[in-house]
PDB file of N, CA and C in Angstrom:
ATOM      1  N   MET A   1       0.826  -1.192   0.000  1.00  0.00           N
ATOM      2  CA  MET A   1       0.000   0.000   0.000  1.00  0.00           C
ATOM      3  C   MET A   1       0.874   1.261   0.000  1.00  0.00           C
ATOM      4  N   GLN A   2       1.915   1.254   0.838  1.00  0.00           N
ATOM      5  CA  GLN A   2       2.773   2.432   0.912  1.00  0.00           C
ATOM      6  C   GLN A   2       3.559   2.614  -0.391  1.00  0.00           C
ATOM      7  N   ASN A   3       3.972   1.503  -1.012  1.00  0.00           N
ATOM      8  CA  ASN A   3       4.692   1.618  -2.280  1.00  0.00           C
ATOM      9  C   ASN A   3       3.820   2.251  -3.350  1.00  0.00           C
ATOM     10  N   ARG A   4       2.548   1.876  -3.386  1.00  0.00           N
ATOM     11  CA  ARG A   4       1.630   2.440  -4.376  1.00  0.00           C
ATOM     12  C   ARG A   4       1.405   3.930  -4.121  1.00  0.00           C
ATOM     13  N   LEU A   5       1.295   4.288  -2.858  1.00  0.00           N
ATOM     14  CA  LEU A   5       1.107   5.694  -2.510  1.00  0.00           C
ATOM     15  C   LEU A   5       2.314   6.527  -2.919  1.00  0.00           C
ATOM     16  N   LEU A   6       3.507   6.049  -2.614  1.00  0.00           N
ATOM     17  CA  LEU A   6       4.715   6.792  -2.977  1.00  0.00           C
ATOM     18  C   LEU A   6       4.910   6.851  -4.490  1.00  0.00           C
ATOM     19  N   ARG A   7       4.531   5.792  -5.192  1.00  0.00           N
ATOM     20  CA  ARG A   7       4.599   5.824  -6.654  1.00  0.00           C
ATOM     21  C   ARG A   7       3.649   6.886  -7.205  1.00  0.00           C
ATOM     22  N   ASN A   8       2.446   6.956  -6.643  1.00  0.00           N
ATOM     23  CA  ASN A   8       1.484   7.964  -7.101  1.00  0.00           C
ATOM     24  C   ASN A   8       1.940   9.376  -6.757  1.00  0.00           C
ATOM     25  N   VAL A   9       2.602   9.560  -5.617  1.00  0.00           N
ATOM     26  CA  VAL A   9       3.178  10.863  -5.284  1.00  0.00           C
ATOM     27  C   VAL A   9       4.252  11.220  -6.308  1.00  0.00           C
ATOM     28  N   GLY A  10       5.024  10.231  -6.736  1.00  0.00           N
ATOM     29  CA  GLY A  10       6.022  10.465  -7.783  1.00  0.00           C
ATOM     30  C   GLY A  10       5.399  10.914  -9.082  1.00  0.00           C
ATOM     31  N   TYR A  11       4.293  10.275  -9.481  1.00  0.00           N
ATOM     32  CA  TYR A  11       3.592  10.711 -10.693  1.00  0.00           C
ATOM     33  C   TYR A  11       3.047  12.129 -10.535  1.00  0.00           C
ATOM     34  N   PHE A  12       2.594  12.460  -9.338  1.00  0.00           N
ATOM     35  CA  PHE A  12       2.126  13.820  -9.100  1.00  0.00           C
ATOM     36  C   PHE A  12       3.257  14.829  -9.251  1.00  0.00           C
ATOM     37  N   PHE A  13       4.447  14.494  -8.719  1.00  0.00           N
ATOM     38  CA  PHE A  13       5.591  15.388  -8.874  1.00  0.00           C
ATOM     39  C   PHE A  13       5.980  15.548 -10.342  1.00  0.00           C
ATOM     40  N   ILE A  14       5.832  14.486 -11.120  1.00  0.00           N
ATOM     41  CA  ILE A  14       6.202  14.566 -12.532  1.00  0.00           C
ATOM     42  C   ILE A  14       5.199  15.413 -13.304  1.00  0.00           C
ATOM     43  N   TRP A  15       3.912  15.147 -13.149  1.00  0.00           N
ATOM     44  CA  TRP A  15       2.899  15.796 -13.976  1.00  0.00           C
ATOM     45  C   TRP A  15       2.222  16.983 -13.306  1.00  0.00           C
ATOM     46  N   GLY A  16       2.309  17.104 -12.007  1.00  0.00           N
ATOM     47  CA  GLY A  16       1.607  18.173 -11.310  1.00  0.00           C
ATOM     48  C   GLY A  16       2.221  19.543 -11.481  1.00  0.00           C
ATOM     49  N   ASP A  17       3.469  19.614 -11.810  1.00  0.00           N
ATOM     50  CA  ASP A  17       4.152  20.897 -11.953  1.00  0.00           C
ATOM     51  C   ASP A  17       4.369  21.292 -13.409  1.00  0.00           C
ATOM     52  N   PHE A  18       3.562  20.773 -14.295  1.00  0.00           N
ATOM     53  CA  PHE A  18       3.709  21.121 -15.707  1.00  0.00           C
ATOM     54  C   PHE A  18       3.496  22.611 -15.936  1.00  0.00           C
ATOM     55  N   TYR A  19       2.668  23.228 -15.114  1.00  0.00           N
ATOM     56  CA  TYR A  19       2.438  24.668 -15.261  1.00  0.00           C
ATOM     57  C   TYR A  19       3.717  25.463 -15.030  1.00  0.00           C
ATOM     58  N   LEU A  20       4.640  24.966 -14.221  1.00  0.00           N
ATOM     59  CA  LEU A  20       5.906  25.670 -14.016  1.00  0.00           C
ATOM     60  C   LEU A  20       6.716  25.754 -15.309  1.00  0.00           C
ATOM     61  N   LEU A  21       6.649  24.706 -16.088  1.00  0.00           N
ATOM     62  CA  LEU A  21       7.326  24.730 -17.374  1.00  0.00           C
ATOM     63  C   LEU A  21       6.713  25.798 -18.276  1.00  0.00           C
ATOM     64  N   LEU A  22       5.389  25.902 -18.250  1.00  0.00           N
ATOM     65  CA  LEU A  22       4.725  26.944 -19.051  1.00  0.00           C
ATOM     66  C   LEU A  22       5.093  28.340 -18.561  1.00  0.00           C
ATOM     67  N   PHE A  23       5.139  28.535 -17.233  1.00  0.00           N
ATOM     68  CA  PHE A  23       5.523  29.832 -16.688  1.00  0.00           C
ATOM     69  C   PHE A  23       6.967  30.173 -17.058  1.00  0.00           C
ATOM     70  N   GLY A  24       7.839  29.178 -17.012  1.00  0.00           N
ATOM     71  CA  GLY A  24       9.240  29.409 -17.355  1.00  0.00           C
ATOM     72  C   GLY A  24       9.418  29.819 -18.797  1.00  0.00           C
ATOM     73  N   VAL A  25       8.720  29.141 -19.702  1.00  0.00           N
ATOM     74  CA  VAL A  25       8.804  29.500 -21.118  1.00  0.00           C
ATOM     75  C   VAL A  25       8.189  30.880 -21.351  1.00  0.00           C
ATOM     76  N   HIS A  26       7.082  31.158 -20.669  1.00  0.00           N
ATOM     77  CA  HIS A  26       6.450  32.473 -20.812  1.00  0.00           C
ATOM     78  C   HIS A  26       7.381  33.576 -20.323  1.00  0.00           C
ATOM     79  N   SER A  27       8.062  33.344 -19.205  1.00  0.00           N
ATOM     80  CA  SER A  27       8.957  34.385 -18.686  1.00  0.00           C
ATOM     81  C   SER A  27      10.162  34.600 -19.596  1.00  0.00           C
ATOM     82  N   LEU A  28      10.532  33.589 -20.373  1.00  0.00           N
ATOM     83  CA  LEU A  28      11.603  33.790 -21.353  1.00  0.00           C
ATOM     84  C   LEU A  28      11.152  34.717 -22.477  1.00  0.00           C
ATOM     85  N   PHE A  29       9.899  34.587 -22.894  1.00  0.00           N
ATOM     86  CA  PHE A  29       9.407  35.417 -23.991  1.00  0.00           C
ATOM     87  C   PHE A  29       9.022  36.813 -23.534  1.00  0.00           C
ATOM     88  N   VAL A  30       8.706  36.968 -22.244  1.00  0.00           N
ATOM     89  CA  VAL A  30       8.379  38.298 -21.726  1.00  0.00           C
ATOM     90  C   VAL A  30       9.621  39.174 -21.754  1.00  0.00           C
ATOM     91  N   GLY A  31      10.750  38.598 -21.452  1.00  0.00           N
ATOM     92  CA  GLY A  31      12.006  39.330 -21.423  1.00  0.00           C
ATOM     93  C   GLY A  31      12.778  38.965 -20.181  1.00  0.00           C
ATOM     94  N   ALA A  32      13.873  39.633 -19.991  1.00  0.00           N
ATOM     95  CA  ALA A  32      14.721  39.351 -18.834  1.00  0.00           C
ATOM     96  C   ALA A  32      14.144  40.057 -17.609  1.00  0.00           C
ATOM     97  N   VAL A  33      13.198  39.412 -16.967  1.00  0.00           N
ATOM     98  CA  VAL A  33      12.579  39.982 -15.773  1.00  0.00           C
ATOM     99  C   VAL A  33      12.987  39.147 -14.574  1.00  0.00           C
ATOM    100  N   ASP A  34      13.032  39.802 -13.423  1.00  0.00           N
ATOM    101  CA  ASP A  34      13.336  39.057 -12.217  1.00  0.00           C
ATOM    102  C   ASP A  34      12.047  38.478 -11.640  1.00  0.00           C
ATOM    103  N   PHE A  35      12.216  37.572 -10.694  1.00  0.00           N
ATOM    104  CA  PHE A  35      11.093  36.823 -10.140  1.00  0.00           C
ATOM    105  C   PHE A  35      10.117  37.731  -9.404  1.00  0.00           C
ATOM    106  N   GLY A  36      10.615  38.728  -8.696  1.00  0.00           N
ATOM    107  CA  GLY A  36       9.741  39.648  -7.974  1.00  0.00           C
ATOM    108  C   GLY A  36       8.839  40.440  -8.904  1.00  0.00           C
ATOM    109  N   PHE A  37       9.398  40.932 -10.009  1.00  0.00           N
ATOM    110  CA  PHE A  37       8.593  41.669 -10.980  1.00  0.00           C
ATOM    111  C   PHE A  37       7.567  40.760 -11.643  1.00  0.00           C
ATOM    112  N   TYR A  38       7.986  39.541 -11.962  1.00  0.00           N
ATOM    113  CA  TYR A  38       7.066  38.592 -12.596  1.00  0.00           C
ATOM    114  C   TYR A  38       5.889  38.285 -11.678  1.00  0.00           C
ATOM    115  N   LEU A  39       6.167  38.082 -10.393  1.00  0.00           N
ATOM    116  CA  LEU A  39       5.078  37.829  -9.451  1.00  0.00           C
ATOM    117  C   LEU A  39       4.158  39.029  -9.323  1.00  0.00           C
ATOM    118  N   GLN A  40       4.732  40.214  -9.271  1.00  0.00           N
ATOM    119  CA  GLN A  40       3.919  41.411  -9.116  1.00  0.00           C
ATOM    120  C   GLN A  40       3.054  41.654 -10.354  1.00  0.00           C
ATOM    121  N   GLU A  41       3.588  41.347 -11.508  1.00  0.00           N
ATOM    122  CA  GLU A  41       2.864  41.623 -12.744  1.00  0.00           C
ATOM    123  C   GLU A  41       1.784  40.578 -13.044  1.00  0.00           C
ATOM    124  N   TYR A  42       2.062  39.305 -12.788  1.00  0.00           N
ATOM    125  CA  TYR A  42       1.149  38.251 -13.206  1.00  0.00           C
ATOM    126  C   TYR A  42       0.448  37.531 -12.055  1.00  0.00           C
ATOM    127  N   PHE A  43       1.031  37.547 -10.872  1.00  0.00           N
ATOM    128  CA  PHE A  43       0.449  36.830  -9.729  1.00  0.00           C
ATOM    129  C   PHE A  43       0.431  37.747  -8.512  1.00  0.00           C
ATOM    130  N   GLN A  44      -0.478  38.704  -8.521  1.00  0.00           N
ATOM    131  CA  GLN A  44      -0.525  39.685  -7.447  1.00  0.00           C
ATOM    132  C   GLN A  44      -0.796  39.040  -6.095  1.00  0.00           C
ATOM    133  N   ALA A  45      -1.616  37.996  -6.060  1.00  0.00           N
ATOM    134  CA  ALA A  45      -1.922  37.331  -4.788  1.00  0.00           C
ATOM    135  C   ALA A  45      -0.682  36.643  -4.223  1.00  0.00           C
ATOM    136  N   ALA A  46       0.099  36.006  -5.086  1.00  0.00           N
ATOM    137  CA  ALA A  46       1.319  35.352  -4.619  1.00  0.00           C
ATOM    138  C   ALA A  46       2.320  36.376  -4.108  1.00  0.00           C
ATOM    139  N   ARG A  47       2.405  37.509  -4.778  1.00  0.00           N
ATOM    140  CA  ARG A  47       3.332  38.548  -4.329  1.00  0.00           C
ATOM    141  C   ARG A  47       2.905  39.089  -2.965  1.00  0.00           C
ATOM    142  N   ALA A  48       1.598  39.269  -2.773  1.00  0.00           N
ATOM    143  CA  ALA A  48       1.106  39.755  -1.476  1.00  0.00           C
ATOM    144  C   ALA A  48       1.377  38.738  -0.369  1.00  0.00           C
ATOM    145  N   LEU A  49       1.207  37.456  -0.655  1.00  0.00           N
ATOM    146  CA  LEU A  49       1.483  36.427   0.350  1.00  0.00           C
ATOM    147  C   LEU A  49       2.975  36.351   0.682  1.00  0.00           C
ATOM    148  N   LEU A  50       3.825  36.454  -0.333  1.00  0.00           N
ATOM    149  CA  LEU A  50       5.260  36.409  -0.065  1.00  0.00           C
ATOM    150  C   LEU A  50       5.727  37.657   0.679  1.00  0.00           C
ATOM    151  N   ASP A  51       5.141  38.806   0.378  1.00  0.00           N
ATOM    152  CA  ASP A  51       5.482  40.013   1.128  1.00  0.00           C
ATOM    153  C   ASP A  51       5.035  39.907   2.583  1.00  0.00           C
ATOM    154  N   TRP A  52       3.883  39.296   2.808  1.00  0.00           N
ATOM    155  CA  TRP A  52       3.419  39.066   4.185  1.00  0.00           C
ATOM    156  C   TRP A  52       4.360  38.113   4.909  1.00  0.00           C
ATOM    157  N   PHE A  53       4.788  37.044   4.226  1.00  0.00           N
ATOM    158  CA  PHE A  53       5.743  36.106   4.811  1.00  0.00           C
ATOM    159  C   PHE A  53       7.071  36.798   5.102  1.00  0.00           C
ATOM    160  N   ALA A  54       7.487  37.698   4.233  1.00  0.00           N
ATOM    161  CA  ALA A  54       8.756  38.410   4.420  1.00  0.00           C
ATOM    162  C   ALA A  54       8.702  39.362   5.601  1.00  0.00           C
ATOM    163  N   SER A  55       7.523  39.805   5.971  1.00  0.00           N
ATOM    164  CA  SER A  55       7.413  40.765   7.076  1.00  0.00           C
ATOM    165  C   SER A  55       7.494  40.120   8.451  1.00  0.00           C
ATOM    166  N   TRP A  56       7.633  38.815   8.509  1.00  0.00           N
ATOM    167  CA  TRP A  56       7.686  38.141   9.818  1.00  0.00           C
ATOM    168  C   TRP A  56       8.922  38.528  10.614  1.00  0.00           C
ATOM    169  N   ASN A  57      10.083  38.451  10.015  1.00  0.00           N
ATOM    170  CA  ASN A  57      11.330  38.821  10.693  1.00  0.00           C
ATOM    171  C   ASN A  57      12.400  39.122   9.641  1.00  0.00           C
ATOM    172  N   PRO A  58      13.555  39.620  10.056  1.00  0.00           N
ATOM    173  CA  PRO A  58      14.589  39.988   9.074  1.00  0.00           C
ATOM    174  C   PRO A  58      15.129  38.810   8.268  1.00  0.00           C
ATOM    175  N   ILE A  59      15.122  37.614   8.842  1.00  0.00           N
ATOM    176  CA  ILE A  59      15.640  36.454   8.102  1.00  0.00           C
ATOM    177  C   ILE A  59      14.726  36.116   6.935  1.00  0.00           C
ATOM    178  N   THR A  60      13.414  36.079   7.169  1.00  0.00           N
ATOM    179  CA  THR A  60      12.493  35.791   6.072  1.00  0.00           C
ATOM    180  C   THR A  60      12.489  36.920   5.049  1.00  0.00           C
ATOM    181  N   LEU A  61      12.676  38.146   5.510  1.00  0.00           N
ATOM    182  CA  LEU A  61      12.768  39.272   4.578  1.00  0.00           C
ATOM    183  C   LEU A  61      13.972  39.103   3.657  1.00  0.00           C
ATOM    184  N   TYR A  62      15.104  38.701   4.209  1.00  0.00           N
ATOM    185  CA  TYR A  62      16.297  38.488   3.402  1.00  0.00           C
ATOM    186  C   TYR A  62      16.094  37.339   2.414  1.00  0.00           C
ATOM    187  N   CYS A  63      15.512  36.232   2.880  1.00  0.00           N
ATOM    188  CA  CYS A  63      15.319  35.067   2.006  1.00  0.00           C
ATOM    189  C   CYS A  63      14.391  35.396   0.844  1.00  0.00           C
ATOM    190  N   VAL A  64      13.275  36.045   1.122  1.00  0.00           N
ATOM    191  CA  VAL A  64      12.322  36.375   0.060  1.00  0.00           C
ATOM    192  C   VAL A  64      12.924  37.400  -0.895  1.00  0.00           C
ATOM    193  N   SER A  65      13.580  38.418  -0.372  1.00  0.00           N
ATOM    194  CA  SER A  65      14.170  39.421  -1.263  1.00  0.00           C
ATOM    195  C   SER A  65      15.318  38.832  -2.080  1.00  0.00           C
ATOM    196  N   PHE A  66      16.007  37.833  -1.546  1.00  0.00           N
ATOM    197  CA  PHE A  66      17.059  37.146  -2.292  1.00  0.00           C
ATOM    198  C   PHE A  66      16.474  36.447  -3.516  1.00  0.00           C
ATOM    199  N   PHE A  67      15.330  35.768  -3.352  1.00  0.00           N
ATOM    200  CA  PHE A  67      14.712  35.075  -4.478  1.00  0.00           C
ATOM    201  C   PHE A  67      14.019  36.032  -5.439  1.00  0.00           C
ATOM    202  N   TYR A  68      13.621  37.204  -4.969  1.00  0.00           N
ATOM    203  CA  TYR A  68      13.028  38.195  -5.866  1.00  0.00           C
ATOM    204  C   TYR A  68      14.024  38.687  -6.908  1.00  0.00           C
ATOM    205  N   GLU A  69      15.306  38.633  -6.606  1.00  0.00           N
ATOM    206  CA  GLU A  69      16.340  39.126  -7.519  1.00  0.00           C
ATOM    207  C   GLU A  69      16.656  38.140  -8.638  1.00  0.00           C
ATOM    208  N   TRP A  70      16.311  36.876  -8.473  1.00  0.00           N
ATOM    209  CA  TRP A  70      16.645  35.855  -9.464  1.00  0.00           C
ATOM    210  C   TRP A  70      15.818  36.033 -10.726  1.00  0.00           C
ATOM    211  N   PRO A  71      16.328  35.599 -11.859  1.00  0.00           N
ATOM    212  CA  PRO A  71      15.512  35.624 -13.084  1.00  0.00           C
ATOM    213  C   PRO A  71      14.318  34.669 -12.948  1.00  0.00           C
ATOM    214  N   ALA A  72      13.183  35.086 -13.444  1.00  0.00           N
ATOM    215  CA  ALA A  72      11.961  34.296 -13.286  1.00  0.00           C
ATOM    216  C   ALA A  72      12.077  32.945 -13.983  1.00  0.00           C
ATOM    217  N   ALA A  73      12.676  32.919 -15.151  1.00  0.00           N
ATOM    218  CA  ALA A  73      12.811  31.654 -15.878  1.00  0.00           C
ATOM    219  C   ALA A  73      13.647  30.663 -15.082  1.00  0.00           C
ATOM    220  N   LEU A  74      14.700  31.130 -14.435  1.00  0.00           N
ATOM    221  CA  LEU A  74      15.544  30.252 -13.632  1.00  0.00           C
ATOM    222  C   LEU A  74      14.775  29.665 -12.458  1.00  0.00           C
ATOM    223  N   VAL A  75      13.963  30.453 -11.795  1.00  0.00           N
ATOM    224  CA  VAL A  75      13.186  29.975 -10.650  1.00  0.00           C
ATOM    225  C   VAL A  75      12.193  28.915 -11.099  1.00  0.00           C
ATOM    226  N   PHE A  76      11.420  29.203 -12.133  1.00  0.00           N
ATOM    227  CA  PHE A  76      10.398  28.262 -12.573  1.00  0.00           C
ATOM    228  C   PHE A  76      10.996  26.978 -13.130  1.00  0.00           C
ATOM    229  N   LEU A  77      11.994  27.099 -13.976  1.00  0.00           N
ATOM    230  CA  LEU A  77      12.560  25.907 -14.607  1.00  0.00           C
ATOM    231  C   LEU A  77      13.366  25.062 -13.624  1.00  0.00           C
ATOM    232  N   SER A  78      14.037  25.692 -12.659  1.00  0.00           N
ATOM    233  CA  SER A  78      14.767  24.888 -11.675  1.00  0.00           C
ATOM    234  C   SER A  78      13.810  24.165 -10.733  1.00  0.00           C
ATOM    235  N   ARG A  79      12.731  24.816 -10.346  1.00  0.00           N
ATOM    236  CA  ARG A  79      11.754  24.129  -9.504  1.00  0.00           C
ATOM    237  C   ARG A  79      11.088  22.989 -10.252  1.00  0.00           C
ATOM    238  N   PHE A  80      10.797  23.180 -11.525  1.00  0.00           N
ATOM    239  CA  PHE A  80      10.235  22.113 -12.345  1.00  0.00           C
ATOM    240  C   PHE A  80      11.209  20.944 -12.449  1.00  0.00           C
ATOM    241  N   THR A  81      12.484  21.234 -12.678  1.00  0.00           N
ATOM    242  CA  THR A  81      13.487  20.182 -12.814  1.00  0.00           C
ATOM    243  C   THR A  81      13.648  19.398 -11.525  1.00  0.00           C
ATOM    244  N   ILE A  82      13.715  20.077 -10.398  1.00  0.00           N
ATOM    245  CA  ILE A  82      13.898  19.395  -9.119  1.00  0.00           C
ATOM    246  C   ILE A  82      12.705  18.512  -8.790  1.00  0.00           C
ATOM    247  N   SER A  83      11.489  19.028  -8.954  1.00  0.00           N
ATOM    248  CA  SER A  83      10.318  18.221  -8.623  1.00  0.00           C
ATOM    249  C   SER A  83      10.161  17.042  -9.587  1.00  0.00           C
ATOM    250  N   THR A  84      10.513  17.228 -10.851  1.00  0.00           N
ATOM    251  CA  THR A  84      10.440  16.123 -11.804  1.00  0.00           C
ATOM    252  C   THR A  84      11.461  15.049 -11.476  1.00  0.00           C
ATOM    253  N   LEU A  85      12.660  15.443 -11.096  1.00  0.00           N
ATOM    254  CA  LEU A  85      13.674  14.455 -10.715  1.00  0.00           C
ATOM    255  C   LEU A  85      13.263  13.676  -9.469  1.00  0.00           C
ATOM    256  N   ILE A  86      12.672  14.344  -8.501  1.00  0.00           N
ATOM    257  CA  ILE A  86      12.172  13.649  -7.311  1.00  0.00           C
ATOM    258  C   ILE A  86      11.064  12.671  -7.710  1.00  0.00           C
ATOM    259  N   GLY A  87      10.164  13.115  -8.590  1.00  0.00           N
ATOM    260  CA  GLY A  87       9.097  12.243  -9.057  1.00  0.00           C
ATOM    261  C   GLY A  87       9.619  11.038  -9.807  1.00  0.00           C
ATOM    262  N   LEU A  88      10.584  11.229 -10.681  1.00  0.00           N
ATOM    263  CA  LEU A  88      11.169  10.104 -11.402  1.00  0.00           C
ATOM    264  C   LEU A  88      11.837   9.128 -10.445  1.00  0.00           C
ATOM    265  N   TRP A  89      12.520   9.640  -9.447  1.00  0.00           N
ATOM    266  CA  TRP A  89      13.162   8.762  -8.471  1.00  0.00           C
ATOM    267  C   TRP A  89      12.131   7.942  -7.706  1.00  0.00           C
ATOM    268  N   LEU A  90      11.038   8.598  -7.273  1.00  0.00           N
ATOM    269  CA  LEU A  90       9.999   7.882  -6.534  1.00  0.00           C
ATOM    270  C   LEU A  90       9.338   6.807  -7.396  1.00  0.00           C
ATOM    271  N   VAL A  91       9.043   7.124  -8.628  1.00  0.00           N
ATOM    272  CA  VAL A  91       8.397   6.133  -9.515  1.00  0.00           C
ATOM    273  C   VAL A  91       9.342   4.970  -9.781  1.00  0.00           C
ATOM    274  N   LYS A  92      10.598   5.267 -10.039  1.00  0.00           N
ATOM    275  CA  LYS A  92      11.555   4.189 -10.313  1.00  0.00           C
ATOM    276  C   LYS A  92      11.788   3.321  -9.082  1.00  0.00           C
ATOM    277  N   ARG A  93      11.860   3.933  -7.929  1.00  0.00           N
ATOM    278  CA  ARG A  93      12.160   3.178  -6.705  1.00  0.00           C
ATOM    279  C   ARG A  93      10.987   2.343  -6.232  1.00  0.00           C
ATOM    280  N   PHE A  94       9.763   2.835  -6.356  1.00  0.00           N
ATOM    281  CA  PHE A  94       8.620   2.154  -5.768  1.00  0.00           C
ATOM    282  C   PHE A  94       7.701   1.494  -6.800  1.00  0.00           C
ATOM    283  N   SER A  95       8.150   1.341  -8.039  1.00  0.00           N
ATOM    284  CA  SER A  95       7.339   0.634  -9.032  1.00  0.00           C
ATOM    285  C   SER A  95       7.741  -0.825  -9.104  1.00  0.00           C
TER     286      SER A  95
END
């Protein structure tokens, strides 16, 4: 039962983040924008939530502002790659 559950979680990691690939390709065509600008322009709710999270203390403020400086395509495509690799590992290990 647990093997089947972990295999299905792996499939979710592989196929559930397909939208990140679309966001990454879209951010490449928009231009060289950083992640903070991309969130503010296209995902106002996410930007408001991350700003609220950043206001907790100076450490979270530094972490969030650090990721705001990164290129948006790099953030989306690296997160897609990492989650897909985890999903492939889970499917291969528990199938």
